[in-house]
Amino acid sequence: MKSQNDKALKEWAVVERALREGWQVFVLAGEGVAEESGAPAWTEEEFFICKTYDRQTPEALKEKFHEWPYDAERLRAPQGELNIESYARVDSLVKVADLEALKRVLPHTVWSESHLRKSFESRRPLYLAFLRCYRTPHPLRVSPPTEQEAPSSPWLTLKEPLSPTNFYPVFSPEVFAEKKKKVLDSLNGA
């Protein structure tokens, strides 16, 4: 793990919570993925997760998670600040071949089937980005960057590098590997 990092992935607050609380071990990735030597790679390999609040709706989530967008708004950092509670390292990226395969990962995510369908139709190619997630007991409050990257970019450069040294893993390597295997087995129809 890097001792300092100024990169952050922009992700829905509800998905950041799902990663931080262990409800899922992957995010959907389309933007920022490059195929190098036949293997997909994300622009960044380690990063903080910066919560976003736009377009996250109860309908995008399974019914038992419908309250999460409201919880996220209630716990949102004050205007002009960001709450950083998660750090992640990319374990791997797996290309999703078809919609039926993507729908098979539904038991391993907080998203609704309709959201998975929309994501598949709007992002081509689509990947599952498996993330080793780390959390902190005390959120880091930081000022948002003054210069924004391209709005469509999933990445943000923080004003100052932060240290993830006080972050601890959500899962042990063994538990993470087991959860990842279950998702891959579902994706492959096993």
Protein backbone atom coordinates (compact mmCIF):
# COMPACT_ATOMS: atom_id res chain seq x y z
CA MET A 1 0.00 0.00 0.00
CA LYS A 2 1.28 3.47 -0.84
CA SER A 3 2.24 5.67 2.10
CA GLN A 4 0.66 8.75 0.43
CA ASN A 5 -1.87 9.06 -2.37
CA ASP A 6 -3.76 11.93 -3.99
CA LYS A 7 -5.97 9.90 -6.35
CA ALA A 8 -9.63 9.17 -5.68
CA LEU A 9 -12.28 7.23 -7.54
CA LYS A 10 -15.62 8.99 -7.80
CA GLU A 11 -18.30 6.48 -6.80
CA TRP A 12 -21.86 6.64 -5.51
CA ALA A 13 -21.97 7.00 -1.74
CA VAL A 14 -24.17 3.89 -1.53
CA VAL A 15 -21.60 1.82 -3.44
CA GLU A 16 -18.76 3.17 -1.30
CA ARG A 17 -20.76 2.02 1.74
CA ALA A 18 -21.39 -1.40 0.18
CA LEU A 19 -17.63 -1.84 -0.34
CA ARG A 20 -16.75 -0.48 3.11
CA GLU A 21 -19.32 -2.67 4.89
CA GLY A 22 -18.54 -5.78 2.84
CA TRP A 23 -21.79 -6.09 0.89
CA GLN A 24 -19.85 -6.33 -2.36
CA VAL A 25 -16.24 -6.62 -3.56
CA PHE A 26 -16.46 -5.03 -7.01
CA VAL A 27 -17.60 -1.93 -8.85
CA LEU A 28 -18.69 -1.55 -12.45
CA ALA A 29 -16.00 0.01 -14.62
CA GLY A 30 -16.09 1.30 -18.16
CA GLU A 31 -14.34 4.64 -18.23
CA GLY A 32 -10.62 4.69 -17.53
CA VAL A 33 -10.01 1.04 -18.43
CA ALA A 34 -7.29 0.40 -21.02
CA GLU A 35 -6.53 -2.91 -22.71
CA GLU A 36 -2.77 -3.29 -22.42
CA SER A 37 -1.16 -6.43 -23.82
CA GLY A 38 -4.60 -8.01 -23.97
CA ALA A 39 -5.19 -7.51 -20.24
CA PRO A 40 -7.46 -4.76 -18.89
CA ALA A 41 -5.86 -2.20 -16.58
CA TRP A 42 -7.35 0.75 -14.75
CA THR A 43 -5.62 4.12 -14.84
CA GLU A 44 -4.97 3.89 -11.10
CA GLU A 45 -4.16 0.79 -9.07
CA GLU A 46 -4.67 2.30 -5.59
CA PHE A 47 -6.93 5.15 -4.59
CA PHE A 48 -9.28 6.65 -2.05
CA ILE A 49 -12.99 6.46 -2.78
CA CYS A 50 -14.73 9.82 -3.03
CA LYS A 51 -18.47 9.62 -2.46
CA THR A 52 -20.76 11.15 -5.06
CA TYR A 53 -24.46 11.78 -4.63
CA ASP A 54 -25.74 12.56 -8.14
CA ARG A 55 -28.11 10.09 -9.78
CA GLN A 56 -28.11 7.55 -6.95
CA THR A 57 -31.74 6.60 -6.47
CA PRO A 58 -33.56 3.92 -4.50
CA GLU A 59 -34.68 2.35 -7.80
CA ALA A 60 -31.03 1.65 -8.72
CA LEU A 61 -30.75 -0.55 -5.62
CA LYS A 62 -32.33 -3.75 -4.41
CA GLU A 63 -35.35 -3.10 -2.23
CA LYS A 64 -33.59 -3.84 1.08
CA PHE A 65 -31.12 -1.01 0.28
CA HIS A 66 -33.70 1.62 -0.74
CA GLU A 67 -33.00 3.72 2.38
CA TRP A 68 -29.27 3.99 1.66
CA PRO A 69 -29.45 7.09 -0.60
CA TYR A 70 -31.35 8.92 2.15
CA ASP A 71 -28.82 7.76 4.77
CA ALA A 72 -25.99 8.95 2.52
CA GLU A 73 -27.53 12.42 2.17
CA ARG A 74 -28.10 12.65 5.92
CA LEU A 75 -24.47 11.72 6.67
CA ARG A 76 -23.02 13.84 3.87
CA ALA A 77 -20.07 16.08 4.75
CA PRO A 78 -20.82 19.80 5.06
CA GLN A 79 -20.74 21.88 1.87
CA GLY A 80 -17.16 22.44 0.78
CA GLU A 81 -15.80 19.25 2.37
CA LEU A 82 -15.37 15.63 1.39
CA ASN A 83 -15.60 12.66 3.78
CA ILE A 84 -13.07 9.97 2.87
CA GLU A 85 -13.74 6.64 4.60
CA SER A 86 -12.43 4.09 2.08
CA TYR A 87 -9.26 3.21 0.25
CA ALA A 88 -8.99 0.52 -2.42
CA ARG A 89 -6.48 -1.50 -4.37
CA VAL A 90 -7.46 -3.04 -7.69
CA ASP A 91 -7.25 -6.81 -7.49
CA SER A 92 -8.38 -7.50 -11.06
CA LEU A 93 -10.69 -6.44 -13.86
CA VAL A 94 -12.96 -8.94 -15.58
CA LYS A 95 -14.74 -8.11 -18.82
CA VAL A 96 -18.48 -8.81 -18.81
CA ALA A 97 -19.38 -10.69 -21.98
CA ASP A 98 -23.15 -10.33 -21.98
CA LEU A 99 -26.11 -9.05 -19.99
CA GLU A 100 -27.18 -12.51 -18.83
CA ALA A 101 -23.73 -13.04 -17.27
CA LEU A 102 -23.96 -9.66 -15.53
CA LYS A 103 -27.42 -10.49 -14.16
CA ARG A 104 -25.98 -13.61 -12.55
CA VAL A 105 -23.85 -11.44 -10.18
CA LEU A 106 -27.01 -9.85 -8.75
CA PRO A 107 -26.79 -11.84 -5.47
CA HIS A 108 -23.36 -10.29 -4.84
CA THR A 109 -24.28 -6.62 -5.15
CA VAL A 110 -26.58 -3.91 -3.79
CA TRP A 111 -27.65 -2.82 -7.31
CA SER A 112 -31.01 -3.69 -8.81
CA GLU A 113 -31.35 -5.75 -11.97
CA SER A 114 -32.61 -2.68 -13.87
CA HIS A 115 -29.50 -0.72 -12.86
CA LEU A 116 -27.21 -3.55 -14.01
CA ARG A 117 -29.07 -3.64 -17.32
CA LYS A 118 -28.73 0.14 -17.80
CA SER A 119 -25.03 -0.02 -16.92
CA PHE A 120 -24.43 -2.80 -19.41
CA GLU A 121 -26.27 -0.97 -22.17
CA SER A 122 -24.56 2.39 -21.56
CA ARG A 123 -20.94 1.31 -20.93
CA ARG A 124 -19.20 -0.80 -23.50
CA PRO A 125 -17.09 -2.62 -22.75
CA LEU A 126 -18.09 -3.16 -19.13
CA TYR A 127 -15.84 -4.65 -16.48
CA LEU A 128 -16.19 -5.85 -12.93
CA ALA A 129 -13.35 -4.15 -11.04
CA PHE A 130 -12.59 -6.29 -8.00
CA LEU A 131 -11.33 -4.05 -5.20
CA ARG A 132 -9.53 -4.89 -1.98
CA CYS A 133 -11.21 -2.28 0.17
CA TYR A 134 -9.84 -0.68 3.33
CA ARG A 135 -11.73 1.46 5.82
CA THR A 136 -10.95 3.88 8.59
CA PRO A 137 -12.79 4.29 11.90
CA HIS A 138 -12.43 8.07 11.60
CA PRO A 139 -13.38 9.67 8.27
CA LEU A 140 -10.85 12.05 6.77
CA ARG A 141 -12.35 15.47 6.07
CA VAL A 142 -10.71 17.19 3.13
CA SER A 143 -11.42 20.14 0.88
CA PRO A 144 -12.55 19.25 -2.61
CA PRO A 145 -10.11 19.92 -5.45
CA THR A 146 -10.37 23.33 -7.08
CA GLU A 147 -9.76 22.03 -10.58
CA GLN A 148 -12.00 19.19 -11.67
CA GLU A 149 -10.87 16.55 -14.12
CA ALA A 150 -13.13 15.92 -17.08
CA PRO A 151 -16.66 15.47 -15.68
CA SER A 152 -16.92 12.05 -17.34
CA SER A 153 -13.68 10.86 -15.77
CA PRO A 154 -14.08 8.51 -12.81
CA TRP A 155 -10.94 10.01 -11.22
CA LEU A 156 -10.27 12.97 -8.97
CA THR A 157 -6.95 14.42 -7.82
CA LEU A 158 -7.12 15.55 -4.19
CA LYS A 159 -5.58 18.90 -3.20
CA GLU A 160 -3.01 17.15 -1.02
CA PRO A 161 -1.90 13.55 -0.75
CA LEU A 162 -3.42 11.62 2.15
CA SER A 163 -2.06 8.66 4.04
CA PRO A 164 -4.01 5.38 4.06
CA THR A 165 -1.81 3.92 6.81
CA ASN A 166 -4.62 3.99 9.41
CA PHE A 167 -7.01 2.16 7.09
CA TYR A 168 -7.59 -1.53 7.74
CA PRO A 169 -8.85 -4.24 5.35
CA VAL A 170 -12.55 -4.95 5.17
CA PHE A 171 -11.73 -8.64 4.55
CA SER A 172 -8.73 -10.86 5.12
CA PRO A 173 -7.07 -12.00 1.86
CA GLU A 174 -8.69 -15.43 2.27
CA VAL A 175 -12.22 -14.09 2.75
CA PHE A 176 -11.77 -11.63 -0.13
CA ALA A 177 -10.59 -14.48 -2.41
CA GLU A 178 -13.62 -16.57 -1.40
CA LYS A 179 -16.06 -13.72 -2.09
CA LYS A 180 -14.38 -12.95 -5.43
CA LYS A 181 -14.57 -16.63 -6.43
CA LYS A 182 -18.32 -16.69 -5.71
CA VAL A 183 -18.85 -13.66 -7.94
CA LEU A 184 -16.72 -15.17 -10.74
CA ASP A 185 -18.51 -18.52 -10.44
CA SER A 186 -21.85 -16.70 -10.78
CA LEU A 187 -20.58 -14.63 -13.71
CA ASN A 188 -19.41 -17.78 -15.50
CA GLY A 189 -22.62 -19.68 -14.74
CA ALA A 190 -20.98 -22.20 -12.41
